[in-house]
N, C-alpha and C. Protein backbone atom coordinates (compact mmCIF):
# COMPACT_ATOMS: atom_id res chain seq x y z
N UNK A 1 111.30 119.61 103.66
CA UNK A 1 110.49 118.34 103.47
C UNK A 1 108.93 118.56 104.58
N UNK A 2 107.82 117.92 103.52
CA UNK A 2 106.50 119.01 104.03
C UNK A 2 106.44 118.17 105.99
N UNK A 3 105.46 118.42 106.89
CA UNK A 3 105.42 118.11 107.96
C UNK A 3 103.61 116.81 107.91
N UNK A 4 104.23 116.38 108.46
CA UNK A 4 102.82 115.77 108.67
C UNK A 4 101.63 116.40 109.41
N UNK A 5 100.65 116.61 109.10
CA UNK A 5 99.48 117.15 110.18
C UNK A 5 99.58 116.29 111.09
N UNK A 6 99.55 116.95 112.20
CA UNK A 6 98.96 116.29 113.54
C UNK A 6 97.46 115.47 113.71
N UNK A 7 97.48 114.40 113.86
CA UNK A 7 96.43 113.44 114.08
C UNK A 7 96.91 112.08 115.35
N UNK A 8 94.71 113.07 115.81
CA UNK A 8 95.22 112.00 117.47
C UNK A 8 95.51 110.58 117.22
N UNK A 9 94.76 109.83 115.65
CA UNK A 9 94.32 108.59 115.38
C UNK A 9 94.55 108.06 113.93
N UNK A 10 95.06 107.29 114.01
CA UNK A 10 94.97 106.79 112.21
C UNK A 10 94.08 107.00 111.62
N UNK A 11 93.91 107.30 110.32
CA UNK A 11 92.64 107.05 110.15
C UNK A 11 92.08 105.87 109.73
N UNK A 12 92.59 104.40 109.63
CA UNK A 12 92.89 103.44 109.59
C UNK A 12 92.51 102.50 110.86
N UNK A 13 91.79 101.48 111.81
CA UNK A 13 92.62 100.65 112.53
C UNK A 13 93.10 100.48 111.70
N UNK A 14 94.59 99.50 112.99
CA UNK A 14 95.09 98.75 112.47
C UNK A 14 94.65 97.25 111.59
N UNK A 15 93.64 96.93 112.08
CA UNK A 15 93.25 95.56 112.17
C UNK A 15 92.33 95.36 111.05
N UNK A 16 92.05 97.21 110.18
CA UNK A 16 91.74 96.91 109.03
C UNK A 16 92.28 97.19 108.17
N UNK A 17 93.45 97.77 107.47
CA UNK A 17 94.45 98.49 107.46
C UNK A 17 95.80 97.62 107.23
N UNK A 18 95.63 97.97 105.51
CA UNK A 18 96.78 96.79 104.79
C UNK A 18 98.24 96.84 104.75
N UNK A 19 98.88 98.21 105.57
CA UNK A 19 99.83 98.58 105.45
C UNK A 19 100.12 97.67 106.81
N UNK A 20 99.45 97.85 107.73
CA UNK A 20 99.47 97.29 109.09
C UNK A 20 99.93 95.46 108.61
N UNK A 21 98.49 94.43 108.06
CA UNK A 21 98.77 93.66 107.86
C UNK A 21 100.65 93.28 107.11
N UNK A 22 100.95 94.16 106.32
CA UNK A 22 101.66 93.66 105.08
C UNK A 22 103.46 93.72 106.38
N UNK A 23 102.92 94.47 107.44
CA UNK A 23 104.23 94.51 108.77
C UNK A 23 103.94 93.47 109.23
N UNK A 24 102.51 92.43 109.71
CA UNK A 24 102.64 91.63 110.11
C UNK A 24 103.53 90.64 109.47
N UNK A 25 103.27 90.59 108.07
CA UNK A 25 103.93 89.39 107.29
C UNK A 25 105.93 89.38 106.94
N UNK A 26 106.22 90.92 107.07
CA UNK A 26 107.93 91.12 106.49
C UNK A 26 108.39 91.87 107.72
N UNK A 27 107.31 92.09 108.72
CA UNK A 27 107.81 93.26 109.30
C UNK A 27 109.30 93.06 110.75
N UNK A 28 110.13 91.68 110.55
CA UNK A 28 110.88 91.18 111.82
C UNK A 28 112.25 91.40 110.53
N UNK A 29 113.38 91.19 112.07
CA UNK A 29 114.18 91.22 110.79
C UNK A 29 114.87 89.66 110.83
N UNK A 30 114.63 88.99 110.57
CA UNK A 30 114.98 87.63 110.07
C UNK A 30 114.70 88.09 108.89
N UNK A 31 113.18 87.97 109.39
CA UNK A 31 111.74 87.95 107.81
C UNK A 31 112.90 88.94 106.18
N UNK A 32 113.17 90.15 106.82
CA UNK A 32 113.36 90.89 106.35
C UNK A 32 115.16 91.22 105.52
N UNK A 33 115.59 90.10 105.82
CA UNK A 33 117.63 89.52 105.63
C UNK A 33 116.65 88.76 104.78
N UNK A 34 116.25 87.85 105.48
CA UNK A 34 115.75 86.98 103.91
C UNK A 34 115.45 86.91 102.85
N UNK A 35 114.06 88.38 102.91
CA UNK A 35 113.89 88.37 101.72
C UNK A 35 114.91 89.11 100.68
N UNK A 36 115.39 89.90 101.76
CA UNK A 36 116.91 90.65 100.69
C UNK A 36 117.48 89.32 100.47
N UNK A 37 117.76 88.24 100.59
CA UNK A 37 118.88 87.54 100.42
C UNK A 37 118.59 86.84 98.45
N UNK A 38 116.94 86.58 99.13
CA UNK A 38 116.38 86.17 98.12
C UNK A 38 115.99 87.38 97.07
N UNK A 39 116.33 87.95 97.40
CA UNK A 39 116.44 89.06 96.17
C UNK A 39 117.71 89.19 95.38
N UNK A 40 118.40 88.72 96.04
CA UNK A 40 119.66 88.73 95.77
C UNK A 40 119.87 87.11 94.35
N UNK A 41 119.16 86.17 95.11
CA UNK A 41 119.33 85.02 94.98
C UNK A 41 119.63 83.76 95.37
N UNK A 42 119.70 84.34 96.38
CA UNK A 42 120.30 83.01 98.09
C UNK A 42 118.23 81.75 97.61
N UNK A 43 118.57 80.73 97.92
CA UNK A 43 117.55 79.90 97.69
C UNK A 43 117.33 78.80 98.84
N UNK A 44 119.26 78.87 98.86
CA UNK A 44 119.22 77.19 99.78
C UNK A 44 119.34 77.96 101.50
N UNK A 45 119.04 76.30 102.08
CA UNK A 45 118.90 76.25 103.59
C UNK A 45 119.92 76.97 104.88
N UNK A 46 121.12 75.65 103.59
CA UNK A 46 121.86 76.01 103.99
C UNK A 46 122.45 77.18 103.76
N UNK A 47 122.72 77.98 102.92
CA UNK A 47 123.34 78.97 102.05
C UNK A 47 122.71 80.59 102.57
N UNK A 48 121.07 80.50 102.86
CA UNK A 48 120.77 81.55 104.30
C UNK A 48 121.12 81.68 105.21
N UNK A 49 121.32 80.33 106.44
CA UNK A 49 122.42 80.12 107.13
C UNK A 49 123.38 80.49 107.15
N UNK A 50 124.38 80.40 106.11
CA UNK A 50 125.89 80.87 106.15
C UNK A 50 126.15 82.29 105.88
N UNK A 51 124.96 83.23 105.07
CA UNK A 51 125.29 84.54 104.38
C UNK A 51 124.38 85.00 106.07
N UNK A 52 123.10 84.18 106.70
CA UNK A 52 123.10 85.42 107.51
C UNK A 52 123.00 84.83 108.98
N UNK A 53 123.38 84.52 109.40
CA UNK A 53 124.44 83.87 110.54
C UNK A 53 122.65 83.20 112.20
N UNK A 54 122.11 83.42 111.28
CA UNK A 54 120.68 83.05 111.42
C UNK A 54 120.52 81.69 112.50
N UNK A 55 120.20 81.61 113.68
CA UNK A 55 120.00 80.10 114.12
C UNK A 55 118.44 79.89 113.69
N UNK A 56 119.13 78.00 113.61
CA UNK A 56 118.96 77.38 112.02
C UNK A 56 116.88 77.40 112.51
N UNK A 57 116.66 77.30 113.58
CA UNK A 57 115.32 76.88 114.35
C UNK A 57 114.82 77.97 113.74
N UNK A 58 115.47 79.25 113.69
CA UNK A 58 114.92 80.72 114.14
C UNK A 58 114.40 80.71 112.32
N UNK A 59 115.06 80.49 110.92
CA UNK A 59 115.58 79.98 109.99
C UNK A 59 114.53 79.42 109.24
N UNK A 60 114.11 78.46 110.39
CA UNK A 60 113.63 77.08 109.53
C UNK A 60 111.97 77.62 109.23
N UNK A 61 111.45 78.75 110.56
CA UNK A 61 110.70 79.06 111.28
C UNK A 61 110.09 80.25 109.80
N UNK A 62 111.44 81.51 110.64
CA UNK A 62 110.41 82.18 108.95
C UNK A 62 110.86 82.03 107.29
N UNK A 63 111.24 80.62 106.61
CA UNK A 63 111.12 80.02 105.70
C UNK A 63 109.30 78.98 105.52
N UNK A 64 109.49 78.97 106.36
CA UNK A 64 108.19 78.52 106.40
C UNK A 64 106.85 79.37 106.85
N UNK A 65 106.93 80.09 107.80
CA UNK A 65 105.95 81.75 107.41
C UNK A 65 106.08 82.08 106.11
N UNK A 66 106.89 82.39 105.42
CA UNK A 66 107.14 83.18 104.16
C UNK A 66 106.27 81.98 102.88
N UNK A 67 106.64 80.88 103.21
CA UNK A 67 106.19 79.77 101.92
C UNK A 67 104.37 80.22 102.75
N UNK A 68 104.45 79.57 103.81
CA UNK A 68 102.65 79.75 104.47
C UNK A 68 102.32 81.19 103.35
N UNK A 69 102.68 81.59 103.49
CA UNK A 69 102.46 83.69 103.60
C UNK A 69 102.26 83.86 101.72
N UNK A 70 102.89 83.30 101.29
CA UNK A 70 102.94 82.88 99.67
C UNK A 70 103.70 83.91 98.94
N UNK A 71 105.21 84.51 100.09
CA UNK A 71 105.82 85.13 99.49
C UNK A 71 107.05 84.48 98.80
N UNK A 72 107.79 82.70 99.27
CA UNK A 72 108.67 82.34 98.83
C UNK A 72 107.51 80.86 98.26
N UNK A 73 108.59 80.46 97.60
CA UNK A 73 107.75 79.25 97.32
C UNK A 73 108.78 78.43 96.86
N UNK A 74 108.38 76.83 97.80
CA UNK A 74 109.50 75.48 98.02
C UNK A 74 108.85 74.82 97.06
N UNK A 75 110.90 74.43 96.69
CA UNK A 75 110.75 73.66 95.49
C UNK A 75 111.76 72.74 95.60
N UNK A 76 112.19 71.74 94.88
CA UNK A 76 112.79 70.90 95.16
C UNK A 76 114.27 70.75 94.56
N UNK A 77 115.30 69.97 94.80
CA UNK A 77 116.17 70.69 94.05
C UNK A 77 116.93 69.38 94.83
N UNK A 78 118.14 68.49 93.39
CA UNK A 78 118.83 66.78 93.82
C UNK A 78 120.51 67.84 93.13
N UNK A 79 121.53 67.59 94.01
CA UNK A 79 122.74 67.45 94.10
C UNK A 79 122.94 66.77 93.47
N UNK A 80 124.42 66.11 92.36
CA UNK A 80 124.31 64.68 92.24
C UNK A 80 124.77 64.35 93.16
N UNK A 81 124.47 62.73 93.25
CA UNK A 81 124.95 62.04 94.53
C UNK A 81 124.29 62.65 95.71
N UNK A 82 123.21 63.44 95.91
CA UNK A 82 122.62 63.88 96.69
C UNK A 82 121.81 63.75 96.75
N UNK A 83 120.87 63.49 98.05
CA UNK A 83 119.27 63.27 98.47
C UNK A 83 118.49 64.47 97.82
N UNK A 84 117.38 64.36 97.61
CA UNK A 84 116.86 65.96 96.90
C UNK A 84 116.67 66.53 98.85
N UNK A 85 116.18 67.99 98.17
CA UNK A 85 116.00 69.16 99.58
C UNK A 85 115.49 70.37 98.38
N UNK A 86 114.94 71.08 99.78
CA UNK A 86 114.14 72.13 99.29
C UNK A 86 114.78 73.39 98.77
N UNK A 87 113.96 74.00 98.26
CA UNK A 87 115.62 75.07 97.72
C UNK A 87 113.98 76.21 98.40
N UNK A 88 113.90 77.83 97.98
CA UNK A 88 113.25 78.64 98.24
C UNK A 88 113.18 79.78 97.39
N UNK A 89 112.38 79.94 96.54
CA UNK A 89 112.32 81.03 95.70
C UNK A 89 111.55 82.24 96.03
N UNK A 90 111.52 83.41 95.58
CA UNK A 90 110.66 84.24 95.69
C UNK A 90 109.22 84.03 94.63
N UNK A 91 107.95 84.05 95.11
CA UNK A 91 106.73 83.47 94.46
C UNK A 91 106.74 85.29 94.23
N UNK A 92 105.68 85.09 92.85
CA UNK A 92 105.14 86.13 92.37
C UNK A 92 104.95 87.64 93.42
N UNK A 93 104.13 87.10 94.57
CA UNK A 93 104.03 87.97 95.71
C UNK A 93 105.04 87.89 96.02
N UNK A 94 106.09 87.61 95.83
CA UNK A 94 107.39 88.15 97.25
C UNK A 94 108.97 88.89 96.25
N UNK A 95 108.03 88.28 94.61
CA UNK A 95 108.90 89.80 94.13
C UNK A 95 108.53 90.84 93.54
N UNK A 96 107.00 91.02 93.80
CA UNK A 96 106.40 92.04 93.86
C UNK A 96 107.31 93.13 94.54
N UNK A 97 107.62 92.46 96.05
CA UNK A 97 108.00 93.23 97.12
C UNK A 97 109.23 94.16 96.73
N UNK A 98 109.87 93.68 95.23
CA UNK A 98 111.31 93.99 94.86
C UNK A 98 111.57 95.37 94.79
N UNK A 99 110.62 96.39 94.50
CA UNK A 99 110.02 97.89 94.43
C UNK A 99 110.39 98.42 95.67
N UNK A 100 109.48 97.80 97.13
CA UNK A 100 110.17 98.36 98.64
C UNK A 100 111.34 97.87 99.33
N UNK A 101 111.75 96.59 98.66
CA UNK A 101 113.58 96.58 99.09
C UNK A 101 115.02 97.40 98.92
N UNK A 102 113.79 97.38 97.27
CA UNK A 102 115.26 98.99 96.32
C UNK A 102 114.80 100.11 96.55
N UNK A 103 113.61 100.38 97.30
CA UNK A 103 113.04 101.45 98.11
C UNK A 103 114.31 101.89 98.71
N UNK A 104 114.40 100.83 100.37
CA UNK A 104 114.62 101.09 101.42
C UNK A 104 115.74 100.45 101.46
N UNK A 105 116.95 100.44 100.32
CA UNK A 105 118.41 100.06 99.76
C UNK A 105 118.49 101.19 100.08
N UNK A 106 117.98 102.08 99.23
CA UNK A 106 118.38 103.63 98.39
C UNK A 106 118.25 104.42 99.17
N UNK A 107 117.14 104.07 100.00
CA UNK A 107 116.88 105.01 101.54
C UNK A 107 118.06 104.71 102.40
N UNK A 108 118.45 103.99 102.55
CA UNK A 108 119.37 102.95 103.63
C UNK A 108 121.05 103.06 103.17
N UNK A 109 121.06 103.65 101.75
CA UNK A 109 121.81 104.33 101.32
C UNK A 109 122.24 105.86 101.84
N UNK A 110 120.80 107.00 101.40
CA UNK A 110 121.37 108.54 101.38
C UNK A 110 120.76 108.56 103.15
N UNK A 111 120.34 107.51 104.18
CA UNK A 111 120.69 107.75 105.36
C UNK A 111 121.42 107.70 106.66
N UNK A 112 121.61 106.37 105.36
CA UNK A 112 123.05 105.40 106.74
C UNK A 112 124.45 104.96 106.12
N UNK A 113 124.14 105.87 105.14
CA UNK A 113 125.51 105.50 104.31
C UNK A 113 127.06 105.71 104.90
N UNK A 114 127.15 106.79 105.27
CA UNK A 114 127.48 108.39 105.82
C UNK A 114 129.12 109.10 104.96
N UNK A 115 128.09 108.75 104.31
CA UNK A 115 128.49 109.42 102.42
C UNK A 115 129.62 109.01 101.62
N UNK A 116 129.72 107.26 102.07
CA UNK A 116 130.29 106.33 101.26
C UNK A 116 129.53 106.45 100.60
N UNK A 117 130.58 106.04 98.65
CA UNK A 117 129.22 105.09 97.82
C UNK A 117 128.72 103.89 98.00
N UNK A 118 127.55 103.81 97.95
CA UNK A 118 126.72 102.46 98.24
C UNK A 118 126.88 101.59 97.98
N UNK A 119 127.33 99.73 98.13
CA UNK A 119 128.33 98.95 98.52
C UNK A 119 127.67 97.95 96.58
N UNK A 120 125.47 98.59 96.56
CA UNK A 120 125.05 97.79 95.15
C UNK A 120 123.44 99.32 94.83
N UNK A 121 124.30 99.49 93.54
CA UNK A 121 123.14 100.02 93.50
C UNK A 121 121.92 98.91 91.74
N UNK A 122 121.47 99.72 91.05
CA UNK A 122 120.76 98.65 90.58
C UNK A 122 120.55 99.87 88.87
N UNK A 123 120.55 99.37 88.14
CA UNK A 123 121.00 99.68 86.92
C UNK A 123 119.16 99.37 86.34
N UNK A 124 118.41 99.83 85.06
CA UNK A 124 117.95 99.18 83.94
C UNK A 124 118.70 97.79 82.92
N UNK A 125 117.34 96.87 82.97
CA UNK A 125 118.46 95.74 82.15
C UNK A 125 118.53 96.06 81.11
N UNK A 126 119.15 94.95 80.86
CA UNK A 126 120.48 95.61 79.38
C UNK A 126 120.67 97.37 79.44
N UNK A 127 120.64 97.69 80.00
CA UNK A 127 121.80 98.96 79.99
C UNK A 127 122.48 100.00 81.00
N UNK A 128 123.18 100.57 81.51
CA UNK A 128 124.13 101.18 81.98
C UNK A 128 123.32 102.75 83.50
N UNK A 129 121.80 102.05 82.83
CA UNK A 129 120.96 103.25 83.38
C UNK A 129 120.62 103.42 84.44
N UNK A 130 121.27 103.75 85.44
CA UNK A 130 120.67 103.79 87.02
C UNK A 130 119.07 104.12 87.59
N UNK A 131 119.00 103.72 88.11
CA UNK A 131 116.93 103.55 88.62
C UNK A 131 117.13 104.06 89.85
N UNK A 132 116.39 104.16 90.10
CA UNK A 132 115.89 104.76 91.82
C UNK A 132 114.24 105.06 91.52
N UNK A 133 114.12 104.55 93.30
CA UNK A 133 112.46 103.98 93.67
C UNK A 133 111.86 105.59 93.68
N UNK A 134 111.16 105.44 93.58
CA UNK A 134 109.75 106.54 92.92
C UNK A 134 108.36 106.87 92.76
N UNK A 135 107.46 107.73 92.91
CA UNK A 135 106.42 107.50 93.19
C UNK A 135 105.55 108.17 92.22
N UNK A 136 104.87 107.59 91.32
CA UNK A 136 104.45 108.19 89.96
C UNK A 136 103.18 108.00 90.02
N UNK A 137 101.86 108.63 89.67
CA UNK A 137 100.89 108.59 89.59
C UNK A 137 100.01 108.01 88.28
N UNK A 138 98.98 107.83 88.38
CA UNK A 138 98.37 106.88 86.62
C UNK A 138 98.67 106.99 85.42
N UNK A 139 99.17 108.57 84.80
CA UNK A 139 99.79 108.74 83.47
C UNK A 139 101.29 108.58 83.28
N UNK A 140 102.33 107.99 85.08
CA UNK A 140 103.59 107.75 84.78
C UNK A 140 104.31 109.00 84.98
N UNK A 141 103.93 110.14 85.61
CA UNK A 141 104.41 111.32 85.95
C UNK A 141 105.06 110.93 87.42
N UNK A 142 106.10 111.68 87.81
CA UNK A 142 106.54 111.40 88.56
C UNK A 142 105.97 112.05 90.37
N UNK A 143 105.30 112.06 91.75
CA UNK A 143 105.08 112.56 92.86
C UNK A 143 105.81 112.43 93.24
N UNK A 144 106.06 113.61 93.84
CA UNK A 144 107.14 114.18 94.65
C UNK A 144 106.49 113.48 96.74
N UNK A 145 107.23 112.62 97.22
CA UNK A 145 106.68 112.46 98.94
C UNK A 145 105.16 113.10 99.38
N UNK A 146 106.36 115.02 99.12
CA UNK A 146 105.35 115.62 99.44
C UNK A 146 104.11 116.10 99.47
N UNK A 147 103.93 115.68 97.72
CA UNK A 147 102.68 115.98 97.37
C UNK A 147 101.45 114.55 97.69
N UNK A 148 102.00 113.64 98.36
CA UNK A 148 100.59 112.18 98.01
C UNK A 148 100.19 112.68 99.49
N UNK A 149 98.77 112.45 99.50
CA UNK A 149 97.63 112.62 100.44
C UNK A 149 96.88 111.26 100.49
N UNK A 150 96.37 111.03 101.48
CA UNK A 150 95.75 109.54 101.89
C UNK A 150 94.45 110.29 101.47
N UNK A 151 93.43 108.81 101.04
CA UNK A 151 92.48 109.01 100.79
C UNK A 151 91.63 108.11 101.11
N UNK A 152 90.76 108.15 101.69
CA UNK A 152 90.21 106.79 102.29
C UNK A 152 88.72 106.72 101.72
N UNK A 153 88.10 105.59 101.20
CA UNK A 153 87.10 104.89 100.62
C UNK A 153 86.16 104.10 101.94
N UNK A 154 85.26 104.78 101.50
CA UNK A 154 83.77 104.16 101.36
C UNK A 154 84.01 104.65 103.43
């Protein structure tokens, strides 16, 4: 793997960097775990809480922030004989994180899995063809990480 050249500063200040802004939105443990659970179809507060073991006040705050930031949509559901309650589904903005979350999963499989088979894998819908996260150029050709270079605009 090619080493990134030494730099004294990042080429873009954090307050003007969309990566820094994205980290502000999704960069804490509970938020990422909520997004992970939502990726797998968890939608209801009690189900998030039971799966994650997150304190209810923390979970409530993170769900509100994810809705406010546009990653989750809040909608009502009603079980028979019960009052209406909210559920949280990935919005188009949240769904667009799927490749990043799958890439992070595959990174964990490669570097943290201790040689064990991954507990979950991903395939192309309608087939058994395994998929993996990758970079591609505008023509659809795969680009290795060591072939990527940043280009500053303006």
